[in-house]
C-alpha atoms as a PDB file:
ATOM      1  CA  MET A   1       1.041 -14.518  -1.116  1.00  0.00           C
ATOM      2  CA  ALA A   2       4.598 -13.746  -1.039  1.00  0.00           C
ATOM      3  CA  HIS A   3       6.884 -16.719  -1.107  1.00  0.00           C
ATOM      4  CA  PHE A   4      10.565 -15.785  -2.255  1.00  0.00           C
ATOM      5  CA  ARG A   5      12.156 -18.989  -3.327  1.00  0.00           C
ATOM      6  CA  ASP A   6      15.842 -19.590  -4.174  1.00  0.00           C
ATOM      7  CA  PHE A   7      16.949 -16.753  -1.903  1.00  0.00           C
ATOM      8  CA  PHE A   8      20.329 -18.363  -1.679  1.00  0.00           C
ATOM      9  CA  THR A   9      21.160 -16.581  -4.887  1.00  0.00           C
ATOM     10  CA  ALA A  10      20.090 -13.054  -3.536  1.00  0.00           C
ATOM     11  CA  SER A  11      23.188 -12.020  -2.099  1.00  0.00           C
ATOM     12  CA  ALA A  12      25.191 -12.891  -5.233  1.00  0.00           C
ATOM     13  CA  ALA A  13      22.683 -11.503  -7.460  1.00  0.00           C
ATOM     14  CA  LEU A  14      22.489  -8.129  -5.678  1.00  0.00           C
ATOM     15  CA  ALA A  15      26.252  -8.004  -5.734  1.00  0.00           C
ATOM     16  CA  VAL A  16      26.050  -8.231  -9.383  1.00  0.00           C
ATOM     17  CA  THR A  17      23.412  -5.743  -9.583  1.00  0.00           C
ATOM     18  CA  ALA A  18      25.287  -3.234  -7.473  1.00  0.00           C
ATOM     19  CA  SER A  19      28.148  -3.347  -9.875  1.00  0.00           C
ATOM     20  CA  LEU A  20      25.984  -2.806 -12.888  1.00  0.00           C
ATOM     21  CA  LEU A  21      23.419  -0.476 -11.585  1.00  0.00           C
ATOM     22  CA  SER A  22      23.127   2.595  -9.420  1.00  0.00           C
ATOM     23  CA  VAL A  23      19.598   1.647  -8.331  1.00  0.00           C
ATOM     24  CA  PRO A  24      18.651   0.754  -4.711  1.00  0.00           C
ATOM     25  CA  ALA A  25      17.077  -2.723  -4.340  1.00  0.00           C
ATOM     26  CA  PHE A  26      13.477  -2.758  -3.931  1.00  0.00           C
ATOM     27  CA  ALA A  27      13.188  -6.389  -5.263  1.00  0.00           C
ATOM     28  CA  ALA A  28      11.911  -7.778  -1.962  1.00  0.00           C
ATOM     29  CA  THR A  29       8.763  -5.799  -2.539  1.00  0.00           C
ATOM     30  CA  GLY A  30       8.542  -6.544  -6.265  1.00  0.00           C
ATOM     31  CA  ILE A  31       8.788 -10.331  -6.462  1.00  0.00           C
ATOM     32  CA  SER A  32       6.018 -12.856  -5.810  1.00  0.00           C
ATOM     33  CA  SER A  33       6.005 -16.595  -6.737  1.00  0.00           C
ATOM     34  CA  PRO A  34       4.858 -19.812  -5.275  1.00  0.00           C
ATOM     35  CA  GLN A  35       7.217 -22.018  -3.601  1.00  0.00           C
ATOM     36  CA  ARG A  36       8.254 -25.008  -5.958  1.00  0.00           C
ATOM     37  CA  THR A  37       7.689 -28.380  -4.494  1.00  0.00           C
ATOM     38  CA  ALA A  38       9.660 -31.653  -4.441  1.00  0.00           C
ATOM     39  CA  GLY A  39       7.414 -33.206  -6.934  1.00  0.00           C
ATOM     40  CA  GLN A  40       8.388 -30.566  -9.677  1.00  0.00           C
ATOM     41  CA  VAL A  41      11.542 -30.099 -11.626  1.00  0.00           C
ATOM     42  CA  LYS A  42      12.999 -27.216 -13.624  1.00  0.00           C
ATOM     43  CA  LYS A  43      13.793 -27.479 -17.225  1.00  0.00           C
ATOM     44  CA  ALA A  44      17.086 -25.824 -17.637  1.00  0.00           C
ATOM     45  CA  ALA A  45      17.447 -22.648 -19.500  1.00  0.00           C
ATOM     46  CA  ARG A  46      18.904 -23.208 -23.023  1.00  0.00           C
ATOM     47  CA  THR A  47      22.688 -23.455 -23.353  1.00  0.00           C
ATOM     48  CA  ASP A  48      22.819 -24.476 -26.955  1.00  0.00           C
ATOM     49  CA  GLY A  49      23.034 -20.903 -28.320  1.00  0.00           C
ATOM     50  CA  ARG A  50      19.317 -20.853 -29.534  1.00  0.00           C
ATOM     51  CA  ALA A  51      17.429 -17.781 -28.287  1.00  0.00           C
ATOM     52  CA  VAL A  52      14.736 -18.133 -25.833  1.00  0.00           C
ATOM     53  CA  ASN A  53      11.541 -16.625 -27.294  1.00  0.00           C
ATOM     54  CA  VAL A  54       9.888 -13.865 -25.328  1.00  0.00           C
ATOM     55  CA  ILE A  55       6.714 -12.226 -26.345  1.00  0.00           C
ATOM     56  CA  ILE A  56       5.097  -9.138 -24.789  1.00  0.00           C
ATOM     57  CA  PHE A  57       1.360  -8.602 -24.173  1.00  0.00           C
ATOM     58  CA  GLY A  58       0.366  -5.009 -23.274  1.00  0.00           C
ATOM     59  CA  SER A  59       0.098  -1.495 -24.959  1.00  0.00           C
ATOM     60  CA  SER A  60       2.127   1.322 -25.891  1.00  0.00           C
ATOM     61  CA  VAL A  61       4.289   1.598 -22.817  1.00  0.00           C
ATOM     62  CA  ALA A  62       4.896  -2.069 -22.962  1.00  0.00           C
ATOM     63  CA  ASP A  63       5.814  -1.591 -26.660  1.00  0.00           C
ATOM     64  CA  GLY A  64       8.498   0.869 -25.785  1.00  0.00           C
ATOM     65  CA  TRP A  65       7.019   4.107 -27.040  1.00  0.00           C
ATOM     66  CA  VAL A  66       9.296   7.121 -26.588  1.00  0.00           C
ATOM     67  CA  ASP A  67      12.231   5.043 -26.185  1.00  0.00           C
ATOM     68  CA  PRO A  68      13.312   4.381 -29.782  1.00  0.00           C
ATOM     69  CA  THR A  69      16.906   3.336 -29.235  1.00  0.00           C
ATOM     70  CA  GLY A  70      16.379   1.237 -26.088  1.00  0.00           C
ATOM     71  CA  GLY A  71      13.125  -0.412 -26.934  1.00  0.00           C
ATOM     72  CA  GLY A  72      11.338   0.112 -23.664  1.00  0.00           C
ATOM     73  CA  TYR A  73      11.823  -1.180 -20.158  1.00  0.00           C
ATOM     74  CA  ILE A  74      11.020  -4.769 -20.811  1.00  0.00           C
ATOM     75  CA  ARG A  75      13.457  -5.164 -23.745  1.00  0.00           C
ATOM     76  CA  ARG A  76      15.945  -3.256 -21.627  1.00  0.00           C
ATOM     77  CA  ALA A  77      15.444  -5.669 -18.812  1.00  0.00           C
ATOM     78  CA  PHE A  78      16.020  -8.590 -21.029  1.00  0.00           C
ATOM     79  CA  VAL A  79      19.089  -7.079 -22.658  1.00  0.00           C
ATOM     80  CA  ASN A  80      20.652  -6.514 -19.261  1.00  0.00           C
ATOM     81  CA  TYR A  81      19.689 -10.040 -18.257  1.00  0.00           C
ATOM     82  CA  GLN A  82      21.253 -11.548 -21.393  1.00  0.00           C
ATOM     83  CA  ASN A  83      24.311  -9.736 -20.827  1.00  0.00           C
ATOM     84  CA  ALA A  84      24.498 -10.956 -17.250  1.00  0.00           C
ATOM     85  CA  SER A  85      23.613 -14.560 -17.876  1.00  0.00           C
ATOM     86  CA  ALA A  86      24.977 -15.001 -21.314  1.00  0.00           C
ATOM     87  CA  ILE A  87      21.627 -16.737 -22.467  1.00  0.00           C
ATOM     88  CA  PRO A  88      20.177 -15.148 -25.563  1.00  0.00           C
ATOM     89  CA  TYR A  89      16.586 -13.855 -25.655  1.00  0.00           C
ATOM     90  CA  ASN A  90      14.536 -12.997 -28.608  1.00  0.00           C
ATOM     91  CA  VAL A  91      12.074 -10.314 -27.530  1.00  0.00           C
ATOM     92  CA  ILE A  92       9.008  -9.864 -29.768  1.00  0.00           C
ATOM     93  CA  SER A  93       6.338  -7.222 -28.871  1.00  0.00           C
ATOM     94  CA  ASP A  94       2.878  -8.121 -29.488  1.00  0.00           C
ATOM     95  CA  ALA A  95       1.776  -5.002 -27.489  1.00  0.00           C
ATOM     96  CA  VAL A  96      -1.001  -2.933 -29.207  1.00  0.00           C
ATOM     97  CA  PRO A  97      -0.449   0.707 -28.522  1.00  0.00           C
ATOM     98  CA  GLY A  98      -3.820   2.487 -27.628  1.00  0.00           C
ATOM     99  CA  ALA A  99      -5.462  -0.779 -26.930  1.00  0.00           C
ATOM    100  CA  PRO A 100      -7.505  -1.633 -23.865  1.00  0.00           C
ATOM    101  CA  ILE A 101      -7.135  -5.224 -22.935  1.00  0.00           C
ATOM    102  CA  THR A 102     -10.039  -6.403 -24.957  1.00  0.00           C
ATOM    103  CA  GLN A 103      -9.187  -4.737 -28.274  1.00  0.00           C
ATOM    104  CA  GLU A 104      -7.216  -7.790 -29.626  1.00  0.00           C
ATOM    105  CA  GLU A 105      -8.911 -10.493 -27.732  1.00  0.00           C
ATOM    106  CA  GLY A 106      -8.859 -12.960 -30.698  1.00  0.00           C
ATOM    107  CA  MET A 107      -5.166 -12.509 -31.540  1.00  0.00           C
ATOM    108  CA  TYR A 108      -3.461 -13.707 -28.280  1.00  0.00           C
ATOM    109  CA  GLN A 109      -3.767 -17.278 -28.904  1.00  0.00           C
ATOM    110  CA  GLN A 110      -2.698 -16.901 -32.496  1.00  0.00           C
ATOM    111  CA  TRP A 111       0.351 -15.020 -31.496  1.00  0.00           C
ATOM    112  CA  ILE A 112       1.320 -17.734 -29.009  1.00  0.00           C
ATOM    113  CA  ASP A 113       0.708 -20.623 -31.493  1.00  0.00           C
ATOM    114  CA  THR A 114       2.822 -18.921 -34.307  1.00  0.00           C
ATOM    115  CA  GLN A 115       5.568 -17.394 -32.072  1.00  0.00           C
ATOM    116  CA  HIS A 116       6.046 -20.259 -29.623  1.00  0.00           C
ATOM    117  CA  PRO A 117       7.229 -18.413 -26.639  1.00  0.00           C
ATOM    118  CA  GLN A 118       9.143 -19.836 -23.761  1.00  0.00           C
ATOM    119  CA  VAL A 119       8.406 -16.567 -21.817  1.00  0.00           C
ATOM    120  CA  LEU A 120       5.168 -14.538 -22.040  1.00  0.00           C
ATOM    121  CA  VAL A 121       5.458 -11.019 -20.517  1.00  0.00           C
ATOM    122  CA  ILE A 122       1.998  -9.613 -19.657  1.00  0.00           C
ATOM    123  CA  SER A 123       2.342  -5.844 -18.988  1.00  0.00           C
ATOM    124  CA  TRP A 124      -0.665  -3.977 -19.325  1.00  0.00           C
ATOM    125  CA  GLY A 125      -0.259  -0.297 -18.290  1.00  0.00           C
ATOM    126  CA  THR A 126      -3.940  -0.052 -17.600  1.00  0.00           C
ATOM    127  CA  LEU A 127      -4.284   3.699 -18.494  1.00  0.00           C
ATOM    128  CA  ASP A 128      -6.105   2.600 -21.630  1.00  0.00           C
ATOM    129  CA  ASP A 129      -8.519   0.497 -19.622  1.00  0.00           C
ATOM    130  CA  ALA A 130      -8.885   2.977 -16.939  1.00  0.00           C
ATOM    131  CA  HIS A 131      -9.689   5.657 -19.889  1.00  0.00           C
ATOM    132  CA  ALA A 132     -12.206   3.209 -21.390  1.00  0.00           C
ATOM    133  CA  LYS A 133     -13.654   2.238 -17.972  1.00  0.00           C
ATOM    134  CA  THR A 134     -13.263  -1.542 -18.765  1.00  0.00           C
ATOM    135  CA  PRO A 135     -15.145  -3.278 -15.913  1.00  0.00           C
ATOM    136  CA  PHE A 136     -12.933  -4.882 -13.499  1.00  0.00           C
ATOM    137  CA  SER A 137     -14.707  -8.267 -14.165  1.00  0.00           C
ATOM    138  CA  VAL A 138     -13.849  -8.088 -17.942  1.00  0.00           C
ATOM    139  CA  PHE A 139     -10.319  -7.037 -17.225  1.00  0.00           C
ATOM    140  CA  ASP A 140      -9.783  -9.737 -14.692  1.00  0.00           C
ATOM    141  CA  SER A 141     -11.239 -12.352 -17.292  1.00  0.00           C
ATOM    142  CA  GLN A 142      -8.805 -11.156 -19.907  1.00  0.00           C
ATOM    143  CA  VAL A 143      -5.611 -11.286 -17.721  1.00  0.00           C
ATOM    144  CA  ARG A 144      -6.843 -14.776 -16.447  1.00  0.00           C
ATOM    145  CA  GLN A 145      -7.287 -15.964 -20.135  1.00  0.00           C
ATOM    146  CA  GLN A 146      -3.930 -14.663 -21.229  1.00  0.00           C
ATOM    147  CA  ILE A 147      -2.065 -16.210 -18.201  1.00  0.00           C
ATOM    148  CA  ALA A 148      -3.891 -19.641 -19.106  1.00  0.00           C
ATOM    149  CA  MET A 149      -2.968 -19.406 -22.708  1.00  0.00           C
ATOM    150  CA  GLY A 150       0.709 -18.851 -21.721  1.00  0.00           C
ATOM    151  CA  LEU A 151       0.747 -21.828 -19.326  1.00  0.00           C
ATOM    152  CA  ALA A 152      -1.043 -24.056 -21.795  1.00  0.00           C
ATOM    153  CA  ALA A 153       1.855 -23.344 -24.193  1.00  0.00           C
ATOM    154  CA  HIS A 154       4.393 -24.347 -21.436  1.00  0.00           C
ATOM    155  CA  ALA A 155       5.498 -20.674 -21.212  1.00  0.00           C
ATOM    156  CA  VAL A 156       6.774 -19.086 -18.109  1.00  0.00           C
ATOM    157  CA  VAL A 157       4.492 -16.192 -17.477  1.00  0.00           C
ATOM    158  CA  LEU A 158       5.823 -12.858 -16.009  1.00  0.00           C
ATOM    159  CA  VAL A 159       3.171 -10.403 -15.048  1.00  0.00           C
ATOM    160  CA  VAL A 160       4.850  -7.076 -14.852  1.00  0.00           C
ATOM    161  CA  THR A 161       3.463  -3.702 -13.617  1.00  0.00           C
ATOM    162  CA  PRO A 162       4.389  -0.638 -15.841  1.00  0.00           C
ATOM    163  CA  PRO A 163       6.528   2.268 -15.058  1.00  0.00           C
ATOM    164  CA  VAL A 164       4.935   5.276 -13.373  1.00  0.00           C
ATOM    165  CA  THR A 165       3.703   8.234 -15.585  1.00  0.00           C
ATOM    166  CA  LYS A 166       2.289  11.642 -14.995  1.00  0.00           C
ATOM    167  CA  ALA A 167      -1.191  10.326 -15.262  1.00  0.00           C
ATOM    168  CA  SER A 168      -0.334   7.822 -12.404  1.00  0.00           C
ATOM    169  CA  TYR A 169       0.061  10.694 -10.178  1.00  0.00           C
ATOM    170  CA  THR A 170      -2.849  12.947 -11.685  1.00  0.00           C
ATOM    171  CA  THR A 171      -5.745  12.012 -13.802  1.00  0.00           C
ATOM    172  CA  TYR A 172      -5.713   8.119 -12.945  1.00  0.00           C
ATOM    173  CA  GLN A 173      -4.009   8.177  -9.608  1.00  0.00           C
ATOM    174  CA  VAL A 174      -6.887   6.221  -8.051  1.00  0.00           C
ATOM    175  CA  GLN A 175      -7.964   4.148 -11.136  1.00  0.00           C
ATOM    176  CA  GLU A 176      -4.396   2.820 -12.274  1.00  0.00           C
ATOM    177  CA  PRO A 177      -3.453   1.339  -9.040  1.00  0.00           C
ATOM    178  CA  GLU A 178      -6.797  -0.377  -8.896  1.00  0.00           C
ATOM    179  CA  TYR A 179      -6.512  -2.022 -12.248  1.00  0.00           C
ATOM    180  CA  LEU A 180      -2.928  -3.080 -11.373  1.00  0.00           C
ATOM    181  CA  ALA A 181      -3.979  -4.711  -8.105  1.00  0.00           C
ATOM    182  CA  HIS A 182      -6.634  -6.594 -10.136  1.00  0.00           C
ATOM    183  CA  GLU A 183      -3.896  -7.713 -12.621  1.00  0.00           C
ATOM    184  CA  LEU A 184      -1.595  -8.955  -9.776  1.00  0.00           C
ATOM    185  CA  ALA A 185      -4.373 -10.656  -7.713  1.00  0.00           C
ATOM    186  CA  VAL A 186      -5.348 -12.686 -10.927  1.00  0.00           C
ATOM    187  CA  ALA A 187      -1.833 -13.681 -11.316  1.00  0.00           C
ATOM    188  CA  GLU A 188      -1.472 -14.745  -7.639  1.00  0.00           C
ATOM    189  CA  SER A 189      -4.710 -16.680  -7.743  1.00  0.00           C
ATOM    190  CA  PHE A 190      -3.131 -19.224 -10.077  1.00  0.00           C
ATOM    191  CA  HIS A 191      -0.637 -20.413  -7.530  1.00  0.00           C
ATOM    192  CA  SER A 192       1.404 -21.659 -10.300  1.00  0.00           C
ATOM    193  CA  PRO A 193       5.179 -22.205 -10.076  1.00  0.00           C
ATOM    194  CA  ASN A 194       5.361 -20.828 -13.552  1.00  0.00           C
ATOM    195  CA  VAL A 195       3.702 -17.377 -12.873  1.00  0.00           C
ATOM    196  CA  TYR A 196       5.845 -14.642 -11.553  1.00  0.00           C
ATOM    197  CA  VAL A 197       4.957 -11.167 -10.508  1.00  0.00           C
ATOM    198  CA  PHE A 198       7.226  -8.186 -10.729  1.00  0.00           C
ATOM    199  CA  ASN A 199       5.827  -5.027  -9.345  1.00  0.00           C
ATOM    200  CA  VAL A 200       7.809  -2.272 -11.099  1.00  0.00           C
ATOM    201  CA  PHE A 201       5.201   0.358 -10.658  1.00  0.00           C
ATOM    202  CA  ASP A 202       5.325   0.427  -7.022  1.00  0.00           C
ATOM    203  CA  GLN A 203       9.119   0.038  -6.945  1.00  0.00           C
ATOM    204  CA  MET A 204       9.557   3.083  -9.119  1.00  0.00           C
ATOM    205  CA  LYS A 205       7.275   5.013  -6.809  1.00  0.00           C
ATOM    206  CA  GLN A 206       9.449   3.984  -3.889  1.00  0.00           C
ATOM    207  CA  TYR A 207      12.647   4.952  -5.890  1.00  0.00           C
ATOM    208  CA  LEU A 208      11.199   8.543  -6.577  1.00  0.00           C
ATOM    209  CA  ASP A 209      10.218   8.903  -3.018  1.00  0.00           C
ATOM    210  CA  ALA A 210      13.726   7.605  -1.816  1.00  0.00           C
ATOM    211  CA  HIS A 211      15.385  10.137  -3.938  1.00  0.00           C
ATOM    212  CA  ASN A 212      13.097  13.125  -3.480  1.00  0.00           C
ATOM    213  CA  GLN A 213      12.131  13.130  -6.937  1.00  0.00           C
ATOM    214  CA  THR A 214       9.073  13.707  -8.846  1.00  0.00           C
ATOM    215  CA  TYR A 215       7.790  12.006 -12.064  1.00  0.00           C
ATOM    216  CA  LEU A 216       8.869  14.909 -14.248  1.00  0.00           C
ATOM    217  CA  PRO A 217      12.465  13.908 -15.001  1.00  0.00           C
ATOM    218  CA  TYR A 218      11.239  10.583 -16.370  1.00  0.00           C
ATOM    219  CA  MET A 219       8.095  11.583 -18.259  1.00  0.00           C
ATOM    220  CA  ALA A 220       7.851  12.060 -21.994  1.00  0.00           C
ATOM    221  CA  ASN A 221       4.164  13.094 -21.746  1.00  0.00           C
ATOM    222  CA  SER A 222       1.175  12.337 -19.619  1.00  0.00           C
ATOM    223  CA  TRP A 223       0.853   8.713 -20.511  1.00  0.00           C
ATOM    224  CA  HIS A 224       4.459   7.697 -21.401  1.00  0.00           C
ATOM    225  CA  PRO A 225       7.950   7.577 -19.665  1.00  0.00           C
ATOM    226  CA  ASN A 226      10.757   9.135 -21.612  1.00  0.00           C
ATOM    227  CA  ARG A 227      14.051   7.330 -22.192  1.00  0.00           C
ATOM    228  CA  GLN A 228      15.150   7.891 -18.684  1.00  0.00           C
ATOM    229  CA  GLY A 229      11.940   6.479 -17.344  1.00  0.00           C
ATOM    230  CA  HIS A 230      12.123   3.334 -19.333  1.00  0.00           C
ATOM    231  CA  LYS A 231      15.837   2.997 -18.402  1.00  0.00           C
ATOM    232  CA  LEU A 232      14.971   3.264 -14.703  1.00  0.00           C
ATOM    233  CA  ALA A 233      12.149   0.838 -15.025  1.00  0.00           C
ATOM    234  CA  GLY A 234      14.145  -1.530 -17.059  1.00  0.00           C
ATOM    235  CA  LYS A 235      16.918  -1.567 -14.333  1.00  0.00           C
ATOM    236  CA  LEU A 236      14.260  -2.221 -11.553  1.00  0.00           C
ATOM    237  CA  LEU A 237      12.959  -5.015 -13.620  1.00  0.00           C
ATOM    238  CA  PHE A 238      16.342  -6.572 -14.345  1.00  0.00           C
ATOM    239  CA  GLN A 239      17.273  -6.410 -10.698  1.00  0.00           C
ATOM    240  CA  ASP A 240      14.195  -8.461  -9.776  1.00  0.00           C
ATOM    241  CA  MET A 241      14.915 -10.928 -12.521  1.00  0.00           C
ATOM    242  CA  LEU A 242      18.348 -11.445 -11.183  1.00  0.00           C
ATOM    243  CA  VAL A 243      17.322 -11.862  -7.799  1.00  0.00           C
ATOM    244  CA  GLN A 244      14.450 -14.248  -8.614  1.00  0.00           C
ATOM    245  CA  PHE A 245      16.227 -16.299 -11.243  1.00  0.00           C
ATOM    246  CA  GLY A 246      19.985 -15.967 -10.624  1.00  0.00           C
ATOM    247  CA  LEU A 247      22.068 -16.364 -13.656  1.00  0.00           C
ATOM    248  CA  SER A 248      20.802 -19.687 -14.897  1.00  0.00           C
ATOM    249  CA  GLY A 249      17.889 -18.471 -16.930  1.00  0.00           C
ATOM    250  CA  ILE A 250      14.104 -18.602 -16.726  1.00  0.00           C
ATOM    251  CA  PRO A 251      12.891 -22.059 -15.948  1.00  0.00           C
ATOM    252  CA  PHE A 252       9.569 -23.780 -16.797  1.00  0.00           C
ATOM    253  CA  VAL A 253       8.683 -26.043 -13.809  1.00  0.00           C
ATOM    254  CA  THR A 254       7.172 -29.352 -14.862  1.00  0.00           C
ATOM    255  CA  PRO A 255       5.673 -31.978 -12.602  1.00  0.00           C
ATOM    256  CA  ALA A 256       8.226 -34.680 -12.200  1.00  0.00           C
ATOM    257  CA  ALA A 257       5.941 -37.422 -13.488  1.00  0.00           C
ATOM    258  CA  THR A 258       5.818 -35.820 -16.920  1.00  0.00           C
ATOM    259  CA  ALA A 259       9.034 -33.859 -17.130  1.00  0.00           C
ATOM    260  CA  SER A 260      10.741 -36.613 -19.161  1.00  0.00           C
ATOM    261  CA  ASN A 261       7.931 -36.403 -21.861  1.00  0.00           C
ATOM    262  CA  SER A 262       7.790 -32.742 -22.223  1.00  0.00           C
ATOM    263  CA  SER A 263       9.635 -31.018 -25.069  1.00  0.00           C
ATOM    264  CA  HIS A 264       8.591 -27.493 -24.275  1.00  0.00           C
ATOM    265  CA  GLY A 265      10.022 -24.820 -22.036  1.00  0.00           C
ATOM    266  CA  GLN A 266      13.801 -23.853 -22.025  1.00  0.00           C
END
């Protein structure tokens, strides 16, 4: 499933990107979302100055390890998007370093209930699960539950694959892509206008290939990107967000029949 809606914004968005970034556009292979139908409406992004709450589920890479000043690729992407769109975002990390996807199973709903996200970013690096040999059926079930929790809270769900690491090319060169494929397949299976896929992992591999580079300049250690790795991944994610959403924010799409009664979203 690869429907690319609102591509009338693509040229303008990529023009802005080109002025901000020196990163080639791999967005067309990194974005996937269902086509919005005529029976649905978008709730506009906030323009009243209140920050849009964004929470992150994942582990150490999603938490921004080894990028202490930039906060990691997800925060970097939202900072860039905030600067481009003038819409404030409050990014909260609920990522649990060192955790396979099952470790904090009982906490996800509590975090959603207490932090009231308008955007939920799910970005499992999958190395912890590959190391723990989490069964794919269990992994799929956990991803599905987390997406469903976000949608039930009227949050837009972004499923984002992680930056590449040394382990992506060595110890877990087979396992990590397998887990990521499962993660993306679960997201796609929702066929929801409020679930988006951003495949940073494959785009970063493409970038390295296109520039005849190895992972070495971007790696802090076997499992974590360094500052440059987070910076590159954040730019790729920002570029995708800009093409997908333009400069108008990240909208929650509500069925037209119930849109007037909904107080959630952005």
